All heavy atoms as atom14 arrays in JSON, in Angstrom:
{
  "sequence": "AIELFRPFVPEKDGRIDLTKALAASSAAFGDEYTWGQMSVEVVQEFLN",
  "atom14_mask": [
    [1, 1, 1, 1, 1, 0, 0, 0, 0, 0, 0, 0, 0, 0],
    [1, 1, 1, 1, 1, 1, 1, 1, 0, 0, 0, 0, 0, 0],
    [1, 1, 1, 1, 1, 1, 1, 1, 1, 0, 0, 0, 0, 0],
    [1, 1, 1, 1, 1, 1, 1, 1, 0, 0, 0, 0, 0, 0],
    [1, 1, 1, 1, 1, 1, 1, 1, 1, 1, 1, 0, 0, 0],
    [1, 1, 1, 1, 1, 1, 1, 1, 1, 1, 1, 0, 0, 0],
    [1, 1, 1, 1, 1, 1, 1, 0, 0, 0, 0, 0, 0, 0],
    [1, 1, 1, 1, 1, 1, 1, 1, 1, 1, 1, 0, 0, 0],
    [1, 1, 1, 1, 1, 1, 1, 0, 0, 0, 0, 0, 0, 0],
    [1, 1, 1, 1, 1, 1, 1, 0, 0, 0, 0, 0, 0, 0],
    [1, 1, 1, 1, 1, 1, 1, 1, 1, 0, 0, 0, 0, 0],
    [1, 1, 1, 1, 1, 1, 1, 1, 1, 0, 0, 0, 0, 0],
    [1, 1, 1, 1, 1, 1, 1, 1, 0, 0, 0, 0, 0, 0],
    [1, 1, 1, 1, 0, 0, 0, 0, 0, 0, 0, 0, 0, 0],
    [1, 1, 1, 1, 1, 1, 1, 1, 1, 1, 1, 0, 0, 0],
    [1, 1, 1, 1, 1, 1, 1, 1, 0, 0, 0, 0, 0, 0],
    [1, 1, 1, 1, 1, 1, 1, 1, 0, 0, 0, 0, 0, 0],
    [1, 1, 1, 1, 1, 1, 1, 1, 0, 0, 0, 0, 0, 0],
    [1, 1, 1, 1, 1, 1, 1, 0, 0, 0, 0, 0, 0, 0],
    [1, 1, 1, 1, 1, 1, 1, 1, 1, 0, 0, 0, 0, 0],
    [1, 1, 1, 1, 1, 0, 0, 0, 0, 0, 0, 0, 0, 0],
    [1, 1, 1, 1, 1, 1, 1, 1, 0, 0, 0, 0, 0, 0],
    [1, 1, 1, 1, 1, 0, 0, 0, 0, 0, 0, 0, 0, 0],
    [1, 1, 1, 1, 1, 0, 0, 0, 0, 0, 0, 0, 0, 0],
    [1, 1, 1, 1, 1, 1, 0, 0, 0, 0, 0, 0, 0, 0],
    [1, 1, 1, 1, 1, 1, 0, 0, 0, 0, 0, 0, 0, 0],
    [1, 1, 1, 1, 1, 0, 0, 0, 0, 0, 0, 0, 0, 0],
    [1, 1, 1, 1, 1, 0, 0, 0, 0, 0, 0, 0, 0, 0],
    [1, 1, 1, 1, 1, 1, 1, 1, 1, 1, 1, 0, 0, 0],
    [1, 1, 1, 1, 0, 0, 0, 0, 0, 0, 0, 0, 0, 0],
    [1, 1, 1, 1, 1, 1, 1, 1, 0, 0, 0, 0, 0, 0],
    [1, 1, 1, 1, 1, 1, 1, 1, 1, 0, 0, 0, 0, 0],
    [1, 1, 1, 1, 1, 1, 1, 1, 1, 1, 1, 1, 0, 0],
    [1, 1, 1, 1, 1, 1, 1, 0, 0, 0, 0, 0, 0, 0],
    [1, 1, 1, 1, 1, 1, 1, 1, 1, 1, 1, 1, 1, 1],
    [1, 1, 1, 1, 0, 0, 0, 0, 0, 0, 0, 0, 0, 0],
    [1, 1, 1, 1, 1, 1, 1, 1, 1, 0, 0, 0, 0, 0],
    [1, 1, 1, 1, 1, 1, 1, 1, 0, 0, 0, 0, 0, 0],
    [1, 1, 1, 1, 1, 1, 0, 0, 0, 0, 0, 0, 0, 0],
    [1, 1, 1, 1, 1, 1, 1, 0, 0, 0, 0, 0, 0, 0],
    [1, 1, 1, 1, 1, 1, 1, 1, 1, 0, 0, 0, 0, 0],
    [1, 1, 1, 1, 1, 1, 1, 0, 0, 0, 0, 0, 0, 0],
    [1, 1, 1, 1, 1, 1, 1, 0, 0, 0, 0, 0, 0, 0],
    [1, 1, 1, 1, 1, 1, 1, 1, 1, 0, 0, 0, 0, 0],
    [1, 1, 1, 1, 1, 1, 1, 1, 1, 0, 0, 0, 0, 0],
    [1, 1, 1, 1, 1, 1, 1, 1, 1, 1, 1, 0, 0, 0],
    [1, 1, 1, 1, 1, 1, 1, 1, 0, 0, 0, 0, 0, 0],
    [1, 1, 1, 1, 1, 1, 1, 1, 0, 0, 0, 0, 0, 0]
  ],
  "atom14_positions": [
    [[-9.16, 7.72, 7.01], [-8.53, 7.53, 5.68], [-9.48, 6.94, 4.62], [-9.55, 7.4, 3.53], [-7.22, 6.74, 5.87], [0.0, 0.0, 0.0], [0.0, 0.0, 0.0], [0.0, 0.0, 0.0], [0.0, 0.0, 0.0], [0.0, 0.0, 0.0], [0.0, 0.0, 0.0], [0.0, 0.0, 0.0], [0.0, 0.0, 0.0], [0.0, 0.0, 0.0]],
    [[-10.19, 5.94, 5.08], [-11.11, 5.3, 4.15], [-12.18, 6.21, 3.67], [-12.54, 6.15, 2.42], [-11.67, 3.97, 4.87], [-10.69, 2.99, 5.0], [-12.95, 3.47, 4.03], [-11.07, 1.79, 5.89], [0.0, 0.0, 0.0], [0.0, 0.0, 0.0], [0.0, 0.0, 0.0], [0.0, 0.0, 0.0], [0.0, 0.0, 0.0], [0.0, 0.0, 0.0]],
    [[-12.79, 6.99, 4.56], [-13.81, 7.95, 4.06], [-13.26, 8.95, 3.21], [-14.01, 9.43, 2.23], [-14.38, 8.65, 5.39], [-15.21, 7.63, 6.18], [-16.25, 6.85, 5.34], [-17.03, 7.54, 4.67], [-16.24, 5.71, 5.31], [0.0, 0.0, 0.0], [0.0, 0.0, 0.0], [0.0, 0.0, 0.0], [0.0, 0.0, 0.0], [0.0, 0.0, 0.0]],
    [[-12.06, 9.39, 3.33], [-11.44, 10.35, 2.44], [-11.14, 9.68, 1.07], [-11.31, 10.36, -0.04], [-10.09, 10.89, 3.03], [-10.2, 11.88, 4.26], [-8.81, 12.11, 4.8], [-10.78, 13.15, 3.75], [0.0, 0.0, 0.0], [0.0, 0.0, 0.0], [0.0, 0.0, 0.0], [0.0, 0.0, 0.0], [0.0, 0.0, 0.0], [0.0, 0.0, 0.0]],
    [[-10.85, 8.48, 1.11], [-10.53, 7.62, -0.24], [-11.73, 7.17, -0.89], [-11.69, 7.07, -2.17], [-9.63, 6.45, 0.22], [-9.17, 5.64, -0.81], [-8.36, 6.15, -1.82], [-9.6, 4.32, -1.04], [-7.93, 5.33, -2.91], [-9.1, 3.61, -2.03], [-8.26, 4.01, -2.92], [0.0, 0.0, 0.0], [0.0, 0.0, 0.0], [0.0, 0.0, 0.0]],
    [[-12.79, 6.97, -0.28], [-13.92, 6.28, -0.82], [-14.43, 6.97, -2.08], [-14.82, 6.3, -3.05], [-15.01, 6.18, 0.27], [-16.14, 5.13, -0.26], [-17.3, 5.11, 0.78], [-16.82, 4.68, 2.13], [-16.58, 3.4, 2.49], [-16.89, 2.51, 1.65], [-16.17, 3.23, 3.68], [0.0, 0.0, 0.0], [0.0, 0.0, 0.0], [0.0, 0.0, 0.0]],
    [[-14.5, 8.2, -2.17], [-15.1, 8.92, -3.33], [-14.25, 8.73, -4.58], [-14.72, 8.99, -5.73], [-15.16, 10.38, -2.99], [-15.13, 10.48, -1.46], [-14.29, 9.29, -1.07], [0.0, 0.0, 0.0], [0.0, 0.0, 0.0], [0.0, 0.0, 0.0], [0.0, 0.0, 0.0], [0.0, 0.0, 0.0], [0.0, 0.0, 0.0], [0.0, 0.0, 0.0]],
    [[-13.09, 8.23, -4.4], [-12.14, 8.08, -5.63], [-12.12, 6.58, -6.13], [-11.35, 6.3, -7.0], [-10.72, 8.57, -5.22], [-10.75, 9.99, -4.84], [-10.6, 10.37, -3.5], [-10.77, 11.03, -5.74], [-10.71, 11.75, -3.12], [-10.77, 12.37, -5.42], [-10.75, 12.67, -4.03], [0.0, 0.0, 0.0], [0.0, 0.0, 0.0], [0.0, 0.0, 0.0]],
    [[-12.88, 5.73, -5.49], [-12.82, 4.34, -5.76], [-13.73, 4.14, -7.09], [-14.91, 4.47, -6.97], [-13.32, 3.49, -4.65], [-13.35, 1.99, -5.14], [-12.48, 3.53, -3.4], [0.0, 0.0, 0.0], [0.0, 0.0, 0.0], [0.0, 0.0, 0.0], [0.0, 0.0, 0.0], [0.0, 0.0, 0.0], [0.0, 0.0, 0.0], [0.0, 0.0, 0.0]],
    [[-13.18, 3.64, -8.12], [-14.09, 3.41, -9.34], [-15.18, 2.53, -9.06], [-15.16, 1.6, -8.2], [-13.01, 2.71, -10.3], [-11.72, 3.13, -9.73], [-11.88, 3.16, -8.38], [0.0, 0.0, 0.0], [0.0, 0.0, 0.0], [0.0, 0.0, 0.0], [0.0, 0.0, 0.0], [0.0, 0.0, 0.0], [0.0, 0.0, 0.0], [0.0, 0.0, 0.0]],
    [[-16.25, 2.59, -9.75], [-17.54, 1.89, -9.59], [-17.23, 0.43, -9.66], [-17.75, -0.42, -8.84], [-18.52, 2.29, -10.55], [-19.91, 1.69, -10.33], [-20.94, 2.22, -11.38], [-20.74, 3.18, -11.94], [-22.06, 1.48, -11.4], [0.0, 0.0, 0.0], [0.0, 0.0, 0.0], [0.0, 0.0, 0.0], [0.0, 0.0, 0.0], [0.0, 0.0, 0.0]],
    [[-16.35, -0.01, -10.6], [-16.05, -1.39, -10.87], [-15.41, -2.08, -9.68], [-15.39, -3.31, -9.4], [-15.22, -1.64, -12.04], [-13.76, -0.99, -11.97], [-13.0, -1.34, -13.2], [-11.54, -0.78, -12.95], [-10.75, -1.56, -12.11], [0.0, 0.0, 0.0], [0.0, 0.0, 0.0], [0.0, 0.0, 0.0], [0.0, 0.0, 0.0], [0.0, 0.0, 0.0]],
    [[-14.76, -1.23, -8.65], [-14.18, -1.79, -7.56], [-14.98, -1.57, -6.26], [-14.47, -1.69, -5.12], [-12.82, -0.98, -7.37], [-11.8, -1.32, -8.4], [-11.89, -2.41, -9.0], [-10.96, -0.48, -8.72], [0.0, 0.0, 0.0], [0.0, 0.0, 0.0], [0.0, 0.0, 0.0], [0.0, 0.0, 0.0], [0.0, 0.0, 0.0], [0.0, 0.0, 0.0]],
    [[-16.26, -1.39, -6.45], [-17.13, -0.94, -5.39], [-17.28, -2.14, -4.35], [-17.79, -1.94, -3.21], [0.0, 0.0, 0.0], [0.0, 0.0, 0.0], [0.0, 0.0, 0.0], [0.0, 0.0, 0.0], [0.0, 0.0, 0.0], [0.0, 0.0, 0.0], [0.0, 0.0, 0.0], [0.0, 0.0, 0.0], [0.0, 0.0, 0.0], [0.0, 0.0, 0.0]],
    [[-17.01, -3.4, -4.78], [-17.28, -4.58, -3.83], [-16.02, -4.85, -2.93], [-16.01, -5.76, -2.16], [-17.67, -5.8, -4.62], [-16.71, -6.25, -5.68], [-17.25, -7.32, -6.56], [-16.33, -7.63, -7.72], [-16.74, -8.34, -8.79], [-17.96, -8.97, -8.77], [-15.84, -8.54, -9.8], [0.0, 0.0, 0.0], [0.0, 0.0, 0.0], [0.0, 0.0, 0.0]],
    [[-14.93, -4.06, -3.19], [-13.75, -4.29, -2.3], [-14.0, -3.69, -0.89], [-14.4, -2.54, -0.79], [-12.53, -3.68, -3.06], [-12.1, -4.32, -4.35], [-11.26, -3.71, -2.09], [-11.07, -3.63, -5.03], [0.0, 0.0, 0.0], [0.0, 0.0, 0.0], [0.0, 0.0, 0.0], [0.0, 0.0, 0.0], [0.0, 0.0, 0.0], [0.0, 0.0, 0.0]],
    [[-13.74, -4.46, 0.13], [-13.82, -4.05, 1.46], [-12.64, -3.14, 1.73], [-11.4, -3.62, 1.93], [-13.78, -5.29, 2.42], [-14.03, -4.96, 3.89], [-13.63, -3.87, 4.31], [-14.65, -5.67, 4.58], [0.0, 0.0, 0.0], [0.0, 0.0, 0.0], [0.0, 0.0, 0.0], [0.0, 0.0, 0.0], [0.0, 0.0, 0.0], [0.0, 0.0, 0.0]],
    [[-12.82, -1.86, 1.89], [-11.72, -0.83, 2.03], [-11.01, -1.09, 3.26], [-9.78, -0.68, 3.43], [-12.21, 0.45, 1.78], [-12.82, 0.89, 0.43], [-13.22, 2.37, 0.28], [-11.75, 0.5, -0.62], [0.0, 0.0, 0.0], [0.0, 0.0, 0.0], [0.0, 0.0, 0.0], [0.0, 0.0, 0.0], [0.0, 0.0, 0.0], [0.0, 0.0, 0.0]],
    [[-11.69, -1.41, 4.26], [-11.12, -1.59, 5.61], [-10.04, -2.71, 5.54], [-8.88, -2.63, 6.05], [-12.15, -1.98, 6.78], [-13.06, -0.93, 6.76], [-11.58, -2.19, 7.99], [0.0, 0.0, 0.0], [0.0, 0.0, 0.0], [0.0, 0.0, 0.0], [0.0, 0.0, 0.0], [0.0, 0.0, 0.0], [0.0, 0.0, 0.0], [0.0, 0.0, 0.0]],
    [[-10.44, -3.89, 4.87], [-9.5, -4.95, 4.7], [-8.34, -4.57, 3.79], [-7.2, -4.98, 3.94], [-10.23, -6.19, 4.13], [-11.15, -6.88, 5.14], [-11.72, -8.1, 4.64], [-12.56, -8.87, 5.51], [-13.31, -10.04, 4.95], [0.0, 0.0, 0.0], [0.0, 0.0, 0.0], [0.0, 0.0, 0.0], [0.0, 0.0, 0.0], [0.0, 0.0, 0.0]],
    [[-8.63, -3.81, 2.83], [-7.66, -3.44, 1.82], [-6.65, -2.52, 2.5], [-5.35, -2.71, 2.23], [-8.31, -2.7, 0.59], [0.0, 0.0, 0.0], [0.0, 0.0, 0.0], [0.0, 0.0, 0.0], [0.0, 0.0, 0.0], [0.0, 0.0, 0.0], [0.0, 0.0, 0.0], [0.0, 0.0, 0.0], [0.0, 0.0, 0.0], [0.0, 0.0, 0.0]],
    [[-7.03, -1.61, 3.25], [-6.11, -0.75, 3.97], [-5.24, -1.4, 5.05], [-4.12, -1.21, 5.04], [-6.79, 0.45, 4.58], [-5.93, 1.55, 5.32], [-4.85, 2.02, 4.47], [-6.76, 2.58, 5.96], [0.0, 0.0, 0.0], [0.0, 0.0, 0.0], [0.0, 0.0, 0.0], [0.0, 0.0, 0.0], [0.0, 0.0, 0.0], [0.0, 0.0, 0.0]],
    [[-5.91, -2.43, 5.69], [-5.22, -3.18, 6.7], [-4.11, -4.07, 6.0], [-2.97, -4.11, 6.54], [-6.2, -4.14, 7.48], [0.0, 0.0, 0.0], [0.0, 0.0, 0.0], [0.0, 0.0, 0.0], [0.0, 0.0, 0.0], [0.0, 0.0, 0.0], [0.0, 0.0, 0.0], [0.0, 0.0, 0.0], [0.0, 0.0, 0.0], [0.0, 0.0, 0.0]],
    [[-4.42, -4.64, 4.9], [-3.41, -5.37, 4.19], [-2.29, -4.54, 3.64], [-1.12, -4.88, 3.57], [-4.03, -6.22, 3.01], [0.0, 0.0, 0.0], [0.0, 0.0, 0.0], [0.0, 0.0, 0.0], [0.0, 0.0, 0.0], [0.0, 0.0, 0.0], [0.0, 0.0, 0.0], [0.0, 0.0, 0.0], [0.0, 0.0, 0.0], [0.0, 0.0, 0.0]],
    [[-2.66, -3.32, 3.26], [-1.64, -2.45, 2.7], [-0.74, -1.68, 3.72], [0.45, -1.76, 3.57], [-2.37, -1.33, 1.82], [-3.17, -1.76, 0.9], [0.0, 0.0, 0.0], [0.0, 0.0, 0.0], [0.0, 0.0, 0.0], [0.0, 0.0, 0.0], [0.0, 0.0, 0.0], [0.0, 0.0, 0.0], [0.0, 0.0, 0.0], [0.0, 0.0, 0.0]],
    [[-1.36, -1.2, 4.88], [-0.73, -0.54, 5.84], [0.35, -1.33, 6.57], [1.27, -0.85, 7.09], [-1.61, 0.15, 6.75], [-2.44, -0.75, 7.52], [0.0, 0.0, 0.0], [0.0, 0.0, 0.0], [0.0, 0.0, 0.0], [0.0, 0.0, 0.0], [0.0, 0.0, 0.0], [0.0, 0.0, 0.0], [0.0, 0.0, 0.0], [0.0, 0.0, 0.0]],
    [[0.06, -2.67, 6.6], [1.04, -3.55, 7.29], [2.46, -3.57, 6.61], [3.46, -3.89, 7.16], [0.45, -4.9, 7.32], [0.0, 0.0, 0.0], [0.0, 0.0, 0.0], [0.0, 0.0, 0.0], [0.0, 0.0, 0.0], [0.0, 0.0, 0.0], [0.0, 0.0, 0.0], [0.0, 0.0, 0.0], [0.0, 0.0, 0.0], [0.0, 0.0, 0.0]],
    [[2.4, -3.08, 5.19], [3.67, -3.04, 4.46], [4.18, -1.55, 4.29], [5.17, -1.46, 3.54], [3.45, -3.73, 3.19], [0.0, 0.0, 0.0], [0.0, 0.0, 0.0], [0.0, 0.0, 0.0], [0.0, 0.0, 0.0], [0.0, 0.0, 0.0], [0.0, 0.0, 0.0], [0.0, 0.0, 0.0], [0.0, 0.0, 0.0], [0.0, 0.0, 0.0]],
    [[3.49, -0.55, 4.96], [3.93, 0.74, 4.65], [5.3, 1.07, 5.44], [6.03, 1.96, 4.96], [2.86, 1.66, 5.33], [1.7, 1.92, 4.4], [0.55, 2.53, 5.08], [1.54, 1.51, 3.21], [-0.5, 2.68, 4.25], [0.43, 1.69, 2.42], [-0.68, 2.26, 2.9], [0.0, 0.0, 0.0], [0.0, 0.0, 0.0], [0.0, 0.0, 0.0]],
    [[5.54, 0.35, 6.45], [6.74, 0.65, 7.21], [6.4, 1.65, 8.34], [5.14, 1.86, 8.55], [0.0, 0.0, 0.0], [0.0, 0.0, 0.0], [0.0, 0.0, 0.0], [0.0, 0.0, 0.0], [0.0, 0.0, 0.0], [0.0, 0.0, 0.0], [0.0, 0.0, 0.0], [0.0, 0.0, 0.0], [0.0, 0.0, 0.0], [0.0, 0.0, 0.0]],
    [[7.38, 2.36, 8.9], [7.11, 3.39, 9.91], [7.82, 4.68, 9.56], [8.24, 4.85, 8.48], [7.48, 2.89, 11.23], [9.04, 2.42, 11.25], [9.91, 2.98, 10.48], [9.26, 1.58, 12.06], [0.0, 0.0, 0.0], [0.0, 0.0, 0.0], [0.0, 0.0, 0.0], [0.0, 0.0, 0.0], [0.0, 0.0, 0.0], [0.0, 0.0, 0.0]],
    [[7.88, 5.53, 10.5], [8.53, 6.92, 10.17], [10.05, 6.73, 9.8], [10.49, 7.7, 9.17], [8.33, 7.87, 11.39], [9.06, 7.21, 12.65], [8.86, 8.24, 13.8], [9.16, 9.36, 13.59], [8.55, 7.83, 14.92], [0.0, 0.0, 0.0], [0.0, 0.0, 0.0], [0.0, 0.0, 0.0], [0.0, 0.0, 0.0], [0.0, 0.0, 0.0]],
    [[10.6, 5.63, 10.21], [12.03, 5.5, 9.75], [12.21, 4.66, 8.45], [13.17, 4.86, 7.79], [12.72, 4.74, 10.96], [12.69, 5.46, 12.24], [11.82, 4.98, 13.18], [13.39, 6.64, 12.43], [11.75, 5.6, 14.48], [13.25, 7.26, 13.61], [12.48, 6.77, 14.66], [12.3, 7.44, 15.81], [0.0, 0.0, 0.0], [0.0, 0.0, 0.0]],
    [[11.11, 3.88, 8.16], [11.38, 2.94, 6.96], [10.52, 3.22, 5.82], [10.73, 2.65, 4.75], [11.19, 1.43, 7.43], [9.82, 1.35, 8.0], [12.15, 1.08, 8.47], [0.0, 0.0, 0.0], [0.0, 0.0, 0.0], [0.0, 0.0, 0.0], [0.0, 0.0, 0.0], [0.0, 0.0, 0.0], [0.0, 0.0, 0.0], [0.0, 0.0, 0.0]],
    [[9.45, 4.08, 5.94], [8.52, 4.41, 4.85], [9.27, 4.92, 3.6], [10.18, 5.74, 3.77], [7.47, 5.37, 5.17], [6.53, 5.55, 4.0], [5.34, 4.92, 3.79], [6.67, 6.49, 2.91], [4.8, 5.14, 2.57], [5.6, 6.24, 1.93], [7.62, 7.44, 2.5], [5.42, 6.95, 0.75], [7.54, 8.21, 1.4], [6.35, 7.97, 0.56]],
    [[9.01, 4.23, 2.54], [9.68, 4.8, 1.22], [11.08, 4.31, 0.99], [11.52, 4.35, -0.16], [0.0, 0.0, 0.0], [0.0, 0.0, 0.0], [0.0, 0.0, 0.0], [0.0, 0.0, 0.0], [0.0, 0.0, 0.0], [0.0, 0.0, 0.0], [0.0, 0.0, 0.0], [0.0, 0.0, 0.0], [0.0, 0.0, 0.0], [0.0, 0.0, 0.0]],
    [[11.68, 3.52, 1.94], [13.09, 3.26, 1.84], [13.22, 1.9, 0.74], [12.34, 1.21, 0.63], [13.65, 2.71, 3.11], [13.72, 3.87, 4.21], [14.63, 4.97, 3.8], [15.82, 4.76, 3.23], [14.16, 6.19, 3.93], [0.0, 0.0, 0.0], [0.0, 0.0, 0.0], [0.0, 0.0, 0.0], [0.0, 0.0, 0.0], [0.0, 0.0, 0.0]],
    [[14.39, 2.05, 0.15], [14.63, 1.01, -0.91], [16.07, 0.48, -0.66], [16.97, 1.32, -0.59], [14.51, 1.57, -2.36], [13.13, 2.01, -2.71], [13.09, 2.94, -4.22], [13.86, 4.47, -3.75], [0.0, 0.0, 0.0], [0.0, 0.0, 0.0], [0.0, 0.0, 0.0], [0.0, 0.0, 0.0], [0.0, 0.0, 0.0], [0.0, 0.0, 0.0]],
    [[16.11, -0.84, -0.49], [17.46, -1.54, -0.22], [18.25, -1.64, -1.58], [17.76, -2.2, -2.54], [17.19, -2.75, 0.46], [18.36, -3.68, 0.52], [0.0, 0.0, 0.0], [0.0, 0.0, 0.0], [0.0, 0.0, 0.0], [0.0, 0.0, 0.0], [0.0, 0.0, 0.0], [0.0, 0.0, 0.0], [0.0, 0.0, 0.0], [0.0, 0.0, 0.0]],
    [[19.45, -1.17, -1.51], [20.37, -1.42, -2.66], [20.5, -2.9, -2.95], [20.48, -3.34, -4.0], [21.64, -0.72, -2.51], [22.73, -1.2, -3.56], [21.51, 0.8, -2.42], [0.0, 0.0, 0.0], [0.0, 0.0, 0.0], [0.0, 0.0, 0.0], [0.0, 0.0, 0.0], [0.0, 0.0, 0.0], [0.0, 0.0, 0.0], [0.0, 0.0, 0.0]],
    [[20.58, -3.66, -1.8], [20.84, -5.12, -1.93], [19.61, -5.75, -2.55], [19.81, -6.65, -3.41], [21.17, -5.69, -0.62], [22.5, -5.34, 0.08], [22.52, -3.95, 0.63], [21.45, -3.3, 0.85], [23.59, -3.45, 0.78], [0.0, 0.0, 0.0], [0.0, 0.0, 0.0], [0.0, 0.0, 0.0], [0.0, 0.0, 0.0], [0.0, 0.0, 0.0]],
    [[18.45, -5.4, -2.22], [17.17, -6.0, -2.77], [17.09, -5.74, -4.25], [16.87, -6.66, -5.06], [15.94, -5.41, -2.12], [14.7, -5.82, -2.75], [15.96, -6.03, -0.7], [0.0, 0.0, 0.0], [0.0, 0.0, 0.0], [0.0, 0.0, 0.0], [0.0, 0.0, 0.0], [0.0, 0.0, 0.0], [0.0, 0.0, 0.0], [0.0, 0.0, 0.0]],
    [[17.37, -4.47, -4.72], [17.29, -4.08, -6.08], [18.41, -4.74, -6.91], [18.17, -5.28, -8.0], [17.41, -2.62, -6.3], [17.34, -2.29, -7.78], [16.16, -1.94, -5.6], [0.0, 0.0, 0.0], [0.0, 0.0, 0.0], [0.0, 0.0, 0.0], [0.0, 0.0, 0.0], [0.0, 0.0, 0.0], [0.0, 0.0, 0.0], [0.0, 0.0, 0.0]],
    [[19.6, -4.93, -6.34], [20.76, -5.58, -7.02], [20.48, -7.07, -7.25], [20.77, -7.61, -8.25], [21.96, -5.34, -6.19], [23.28, -5.9, -6.9], [23.57, -5.17, -8.15], [23.91, -3.96, -8.13], [23.53, -5.89, -9.39], [0.0, 0.0, 0.0], [0.0, 0.0, 0.0], [0.0, 0.0, 0.0], [0.0, 0.0, 0.0], [0.0, 0.0, 0.0]],
    [[19.91, -7.66, -6.27], [19.59, -9.13, -6.38], [18.6, -9.44, -7.48], [18.68, -10.24, -8.24], [18.97, -9.65, -4.97], [18.76, -11.12, -5.01], [18.26, -11.7, -3.81], [17.82, -10.9, -2.84], [18.23, -12.91, -3.61], [0.0, 0.0, 0.0], [0.0, 0.0, 0.0], [0.0, 0.0, 0.0], [0.0, 0.0, 0.0], [0.0, 0.0, 0.0]],
    [[17.55, -8.44, -7.62], [16.54, -8.58, -8.64], [17.2, -8.34, -9.97], [16.93, -9.01, -10.99], [15.52, -7.59, -8.43], [14.33, -7.72, -9.44], [13.72, -8.95, -9.75], [13.81, -6.56, -10.08], [12.75, -9.0, -10.7], [12.83, -6.65, -10.98], [12.27, -7.93, -11.23], [0.0, 0.0, 0.0], [0.0, 0.0, 0.0], [0.0, 0.0, 0.0]],
    [[18.14, -7.32, -10.06], [18.84, -7.1, -11.35], [19.65, -8.22, -11.71], [19.65, -8.74, -12.86], [19.79, -5.84, -11.19], [19.26, -4.52, -11.46], [20.35, -3.4, -11.17], [18.99, -4.34, -12.96], [0.0, 0.0, 0.0], [0.0, 0.0, 0.0], [0.0, 0.0, 0.0], [0.0, 0.0, 0.0], [0.0, 0.0, 0.0], [0.0, 0.0, 0.0]],
    [[20.38, -8.8, -10.84], [21.15, -10.0, -11.03], [20.32, -11.17, -11.58], [20.79, -11.86, -12.53], [21.89, -10.39, -9.85], [23.01, -9.51, -9.28], [23.36, -8.59, -10.08], [23.43, -9.67, -8.02], [0.0, 0.0, 0.0], [0.0, 0.0, 0.0], [0.0, 0.0, 0.0], [0.0, 0.0, 0.0], [0.0, 0.0, 0.0], [0.0, 0.0, 0.0]]
  ]
}
């Protein structure tokens, strides 16, 4: 994934460790059951 993504990283972001960035991101992706899901309760609490 990192090798596919690397060509699209702006020059100004070149010092970012993509391995660490993906690790930090993917921990919050969820799984095949939860990816993309949005809780009505979470959004309602923020609205309130």
